[in-house]
C-alpha atoms as a PDB file:
ATOM      1  CA  MET A   1       9.194 -17.567  -3.209  1.00  0.00           C
ATOM      2  CA  ALA A   2       7.883 -14.047  -3.801  1.00  0.00           C
ATOM      3  CA  ALA A   3       9.557 -11.268  -1.719  1.00  0.00           C
ATOM      4  CA  LYS A   4       7.532  -9.765   1.055  1.00  0.00           C
ATOM      5  CA  TYR A   5       7.038  -6.106   1.720  1.00  0.00           C
ATOM      6  CA  PRO A   6       5.140  -5.714   5.250  1.00  0.00           C
ATOM      7  CA  ARG A   7       3.509  -2.119   5.066  1.00  0.00           C
ATOM      8  CA  PRO A   8       3.003  -1.440   8.987  1.00  0.00           C
ATOM      9  CA  TRP A   9       2.762   2.166   8.161  1.00  0.00           C
ATOM     10  CA  MET A  10      -0.283   1.327   6.355  1.00  0.00           C
ATOM     11  CA  THR A  11      -1.523  -0.707   9.206  1.00  0.00           C
ATOM     12  CA  GLU A  12      -1.166   2.413  11.387  1.00  0.00           C
ATOM     13  CA  LEU A  13      -2.744   4.826   9.191  1.00  0.00           C
ATOM     14  CA  ARG A  14      -5.691   2.764   8.839  1.00  0.00           C
ATOM     15  CA  LYS A  15      -6.087   2.458  12.497  1.00  0.00           C
ATOM     16  CA  HIS A  16      -5.167   6.165  13.078  1.00  0.00           C
ATOM     17  CA  LYS A  17      -8.406   7.002  10.691  1.00  0.00           C
ATOM     18  CA  GLY A  18     -10.422   4.434  12.781  1.00  0.00           C
ATOM     19  CA  TRP A  19     -10.912   2.300  10.086  1.00  0.00           C
ATOM     20  CA  THR A  20     -11.119  -1.896  10.076  1.00  0.00           C
ATOM     21  CA  THR A  21      -9.658  -3.471   6.947  1.00  0.00           C
ATOM     22  CA  SER A  22     -13.143  -4.180   5.797  1.00  0.00           C
ATOM     23  CA  GLN A  23     -13.926  -0.415   5.790  1.00  0.00           C
ATOM     24  CA  LEU A  24     -10.770   0.732   3.881  1.00  0.00           C
ATOM     25  CA  GLY A  25     -11.916  -2.142   1.427  1.00  0.00           C
ATOM     26  CA  GLU A  26     -15.187  -0.548   0.962  1.00  0.00           C
ATOM     27  CA  VAL A  27     -13.436   2.984   0.562  1.00  0.00           C
ATOM     28  CA  VAL A  28     -11.243   1.652  -2.072  1.00  0.00           C
ATOM     29  CA  GLY A  29     -13.422  -1.458  -3.905  1.00  0.00           C
ATOM     30  CA  ILE A  30     -11.481  -4.354  -2.593  1.00  0.00           C
ATOM     31  CA  SER A  31     -12.110  -7.346  -0.153  1.00  0.00           C
ATOM     32  CA  HIS A  32     -10.664  -7.192   3.616  1.00  0.00           C
ATOM     33  CA  ASN A  33      -8.566  -9.967   2.736  1.00  0.00           C
ATOM     34  CA  TYR A  34      -6.929  -8.248   0.360  1.00  0.00           C
ATOM     35  CA  VAL A  35      -5.955  -5.376   2.309  1.00  0.00           C
ATOM     36  CA  CYS A  36      -4.584  -7.717   4.792  1.00  0.00           C
ATOM     37  CA  ALA A  37      -2.187  -8.744   2.300  1.00  0.00           C
ATOM     38  CA  ILE A  38      -1.289  -5.772   1.067  1.00  0.00           C
ATOM     39  CA  GLU A  39      -0.411  -4.628   4.746  1.00  0.00           C
ATOM     40  CA  GLN A  40       1.471  -7.899   5.298  1.00  0.00           C
ATOM     41  CA  GLY A  41       3.369  -7.484   2.181  1.00  0.00           C
ATOM     42  CA  THR A  42       2.345 -10.503   0.475  1.00  0.00           C
ATOM     43  CA  ARG A  43       0.404  -8.813  -2.519  1.00  0.00           C
ATOM     44  CA  THR A  44       1.271  -5.660  -4.245  1.00  0.00           C
ATOM     45  CA  PRO A  45      -1.263  -3.414  -5.521  1.00  0.00           C
ATOM     46  CA  ARG A  46      -1.568  -2.673  -8.859  1.00  0.00           C
ATOM     47  CA  PRO A  47      -0.850   1.639  -9.978  1.00  0.00           C
ATOM     48  CA  PRO A  48      -5.012   2.078 -10.402  1.00  0.00           C
ATOM     49  CA  LEU A  49      -5.476   0.185  -6.756  1.00  0.00           C
ATOM     50  CA  ALA A  50      -2.235   1.876  -5.204  1.00  0.00           C
ATOM     51  CA  HIS A  51      -3.389   5.212  -6.176  1.00  0.00           C
ATOM     52  CA  ARG A  52      -6.952   4.703  -4.469  1.00  0.00           C
ATOM     53  CA  LEU A  53      -5.116   3.332  -1.435  1.00  0.00           C
ATOM     54  CA  ALA A  54      -2.680   6.509  -1.078  1.00  0.00           C
ATOM     55  CA  SER A  55      -5.871   8.983  -1.935  1.00  0.00           C
ATOM     56  CA  ALA A  56      -7.705   7.124   1.264  1.00  0.00           C
ATOM     57  CA  LEU A  57      -4.808   6.777   3.431  1.00  0.00           C
ATOM     58  CA  GLY A  58      -3.370  10.634   2.693  1.00  0.00           C
ATOM     59  CA  VAL A  59      -0.004   9.105   1.469  1.00  0.00           C
ATOM     60  CA  ASP A  60       2.287   9.261  -1.508  1.00  0.00           C
ATOM     61  CA  VAL A  61       1.619   6.522  -3.965  1.00  0.00           C
ATOM     62  CA  GLY A  62       5.053   5.566  -4.403  1.00  0.00           C
ATOM     63  CA  LEU A  63       5.110   4.210  -0.651  1.00  0.00           C
ATOM     64  CA  PHE A  64       3.235   1.022  -2.429  1.00  0.00           C
ATOM     65  CA  MET A  65       6.158   0.317  -4.454  1.00  0.00           C
ATOM     66  CA  PRO A  66       8.496  -2.392  -3.161  1.00  0.00           C
ATOM     67  CA  ARG A  67      11.697  -1.251  -1.937  1.00  0.00           C
ATOM     68  CA  ASP A  68      14.029  -2.131  -4.799  1.00  0.00           C
ATOM     69  CA  VAL A  69      11.653  -0.413  -7.347  1.00  0.00           C
ATOM     70  CA  GLN A  70      11.676   2.707  -4.857  1.00  0.00           C
ATOM     71  CA  ASN A  71      15.373   2.489  -5.146  1.00  0.00           C
ATOM     72  CA  GLU A  72      15.591   2.434  -8.778  1.00  0.00           C
ATOM     73  CA  HIS A  73      13.143   5.517  -9.139  1.00  0.00           C
ATOM     74  CA  ARG A  74      15.208   7.546  -6.736  1.00  0.00           C
ATOM     75  CA  GLN A  75      18.473   6.932  -8.631  1.00  0.00           C
ATOM     76  CA  GLY A  76      17.000   7.303 -11.704  1.00  0.00           C
ATOM     77  CA  GLU A  77      16.089  10.902 -10.627  1.00  0.00           C
ATOM     78  CA  SER A  78      19.370  11.943  -9.455  1.00  0.00           C
ATOM     79  CA  ALA A  79      20.953  10.772 -12.769  1.00  0.00           C
END
């Protein structure tokens, strides 16, 4: 079974902008179901989509990486 990486911060940012999942999906070119899956952590966006989402929500694209990947990236920077 694949790991889940919920993104409650994404839901909060989307709602703060006053967007539904459908509206965010329209902005970045995906379905509202896919937006929900990314927010719930059952799907991880590939880099091009992660960049579009990050731009739309005004966050760093690294937030869309699973935690274990984020940790590996940070460890590599400090080496």
